[in-house]
């Protein structure tokens, strides 16, 4: 009986350690739609202006930041006016990013620079 308890303890301990080594990358999306395009712009967040999505294949802070920076890309110029993209890795907020020209983004934890050429193009 004691052996089962010891084995169960070892299994739970190893699962706990494996979980501690893995950290979630969570990307926070917040969109501002072009006038009259809210339904289309917010569709990617189930009809809401903001949502979170967990990225399973970003195994480091750097990989998570790269996903966040890529999420700023806006190919729907006449639908989405602005994006604010922030990210957490292992529950800790990631800071900064770079704009489309490679300049450091001083906007705190928003990875999307306000002067990106693919934002604010609503007709």
Protein backbone atom coordinates (compact mmCIF):
# COMPACT_ATOMS: atom_id res chain seq x y z
CA UNK A 1 0.00 0.00 0.00
CA UNK A 2 2.82 2.41 0.87
CA UNK A 3 4.56 1.63 -2.41
CA UNK A 4 1.48 2.74 -4.37
CA UNK A 5 1.47 6.01 -2.44
CA UNK A 6 5.16 6.60 -3.16
CA UNK A 7 4.69 5.81 -6.86
CA UNK A 8 1.66 8.08 -7.08
CA UNK A 9 3.65 10.86 -5.40
CA UNK A 10 6.49 10.46 -7.89
CA UNK A 11 4.08 10.58 -10.83
CA UNK A 12 2.41 13.76 -9.53
CA UNK A 13 5.81 15.33 -8.79
CA UNK A 14 7.12 14.61 -12.28
CA UNK A 15 3.94 15.98 -13.87
CA UNK A 16 4.28 19.11 -11.73
CA UNK A 17 7.91 19.59 -12.76
CA UNK A 18 7.08 19.09 -16.43
CA UNK A 19 4.30 21.65 -16.13
CA UNK A 20 6.66 24.14 -14.49
CA UNK A 21 9.09 23.89 -17.42
CA UNK A 22 6.34 24.71 -19.91
CA UNK A 23 5.04 28.27 -20.10
CA UNK A 24 2.07 29.50 -22.06
CA UNK A 25 2.39 32.28 -24.62
CA UNK A 26 -0.83 34.27 -24.59
CA UNK A 27 -1.41 36.90 -27.27
CA UNK A 28 -3.94 39.63 -26.40
CA UNK A 29 -5.69 41.11 -29.44
CA UNK A 30 -7.56 44.41 -29.33
CA UNK A 31 -8.93 45.75 -32.60
CA UNK A 32 -10.41 49.09 -33.60
CA UNK A 33 -12.60 48.62 -36.65
CA UNK A 34 -13.10 50.97 -39.55
CA UNK A 35 -16.49 52.67 -39.29
CA UNK A 36 -19.28 50.23 -40.09
CA UNK A 37 -16.89 47.24 -40.29
CA UNK A 38 -17.11 46.09 -36.68
CA UNK A 39 -18.70 42.71 -37.42
CA UNK A 40 -16.02 41.82 -39.95
CA UNK A 41 -13.10 43.21 -37.94
CA UNK A 42 -14.16 41.55 -34.69
CA UNK A 43 -14.99 38.19 -36.30
CA UNK A 44 -11.56 36.80 -35.41
CA UNK A 45 -12.44 37.36 -31.73
CA UNK A 46 -15.90 35.82 -31.91
CA UNK A 47 -17.56 39.20 -32.45
CA UNK A 48 -15.67 41.03 -29.70
CA UNK A 49 -13.15 43.85 -30.04
CA UNK A 50 -10.68 42.02 -27.80
CA UNK A 51 -9.70 38.44 -27.04
CA UNK A 52 -6.79 36.24 -25.97
CA UNK A 53 -5.30 33.33 -27.87
CA UNK A 54 -2.79 30.84 -26.49
CA UNK A 55 0.09 29.89 -28.78
CA UNK A 56 1.35 26.39 -28.04
CA UNK A 57 4.48 26.38 -30.23
CA UNK A 58 6.17 29.50 -28.78
CA UNK A 59 8.61 27.91 -26.33
CA UNK A 60 10.47 31.05 -25.20
CA UNK A 61 9.91 34.74 -24.47
CA UNK A 62 11.60 35.57 -27.76
CA UNK A 63 9.39 33.21 -29.76
CA UNK A 64 6.30 34.58 -28.04
CA UNK A 65 7.39 38.16 -28.79
CA UNK A 66 7.93 37.22 -32.44
CA UNK A 67 4.37 35.84 -32.64
CA UNK A 68 3.03 39.04 -31.03
CA UNK A 69 4.92 41.22 -33.49
CA UNK A 70 3.65 39.16 -36.43
CA UNK A 71 0.08 39.50 -35.11
CA UNK A 72 0.33 43.25 -35.76
CA UNK A 73 0.28 42.65 -39.51
CA UNK A 74 -2.93 44.04 -41.00
CA UNK A 75 -3.91 42.89 -44.47
CA UNK A 76 -7.51 44.05 -44.09
CA UNK A 77 -6.78 47.77 -44.45
CA UNK A 78 -10.38 48.83 -45.05
CA UNK A 79 -11.75 46.68 -42.21
CA UNK A 80 -9.39 47.06 -39.22
CA UNK A 81 -8.13 50.53 -38.37
CA UNK A 82 -5.82 49.78 -35.43
CA UNK A 83 -4.55 46.78 -33.53
CA UNK A 84 -3.12 46.67 -30.06
CA UNK A 85 -1.24 43.44 -29.48
CA UNK A 86 0.23 42.56 -26.12
CA UNK A 87 1.63 39.25 -24.92
CA UNK A 88 2.31 37.29 -21.75
CA UNK A 89 4.79 34.45 -21.44
CA UNK A 90 4.42 32.27 -18.38
CA UNK A 91 2.06 34.84 -16.88
CA UNK A 92 4.58 37.68 -17.23
CA UNK A 93 3.86 40.60 -19.57
CA UNK A 94 6.34 40.98 -22.43
CA UNK A 95 7.50 44.48 -23.27
CA UNK A 96 7.92 46.21 -26.59
CA UNK A 97 8.50 45.24 -30.11
CA UNK A 98 9.55 46.94 -33.31
CA UNK A 99 7.61 48.82 -35.93
CA UNK A 100 7.56 47.99 -39.64
CA UNK A 101 10.74 50.02 -40.22
CA UNK A 102 12.65 48.22 -37.47
CA UNK A 103 12.60 51.14 -35.02
CA UNK A 104 12.13 50.23 -31.37
CA UNK A 105 8.53 50.58 -30.28
CA UNK A 106 8.40 52.78 -27.20
CA UNK A 107 4.69 52.10 -26.63
CA UNK A 108 5.23 49.93 -23.56
CA UNK A 109 3.88 46.44 -24.02
CA UNK A 110 1.99 47.14 -27.28
CA UNK A 111 3.84 45.39 -30.09
CA UNK A 112 2.09 47.44 -32.81
CA UNK A 113 3.58 50.86 -33.47
CA UNK A 114 0.92 53.53 -34.11
CA UNK A 115 2.75 54.70 -37.25
CA UNK A 116 2.74 51.32 -39.00
CA UNK A 117 2.01 51.77 -42.73
CA UNK A 118 -0.68 49.06 -42.61
CA UNK A 119 -2.78 50.78 -39.93
CA UNK A 120 -5.17 53.75 -40.06
CA UNK A 121 -6.03 53.23 -43.74
CA UNK A 122 -9.83 53.31 -43.48
CA UNK A 123 -11.57 55.06 -46.35
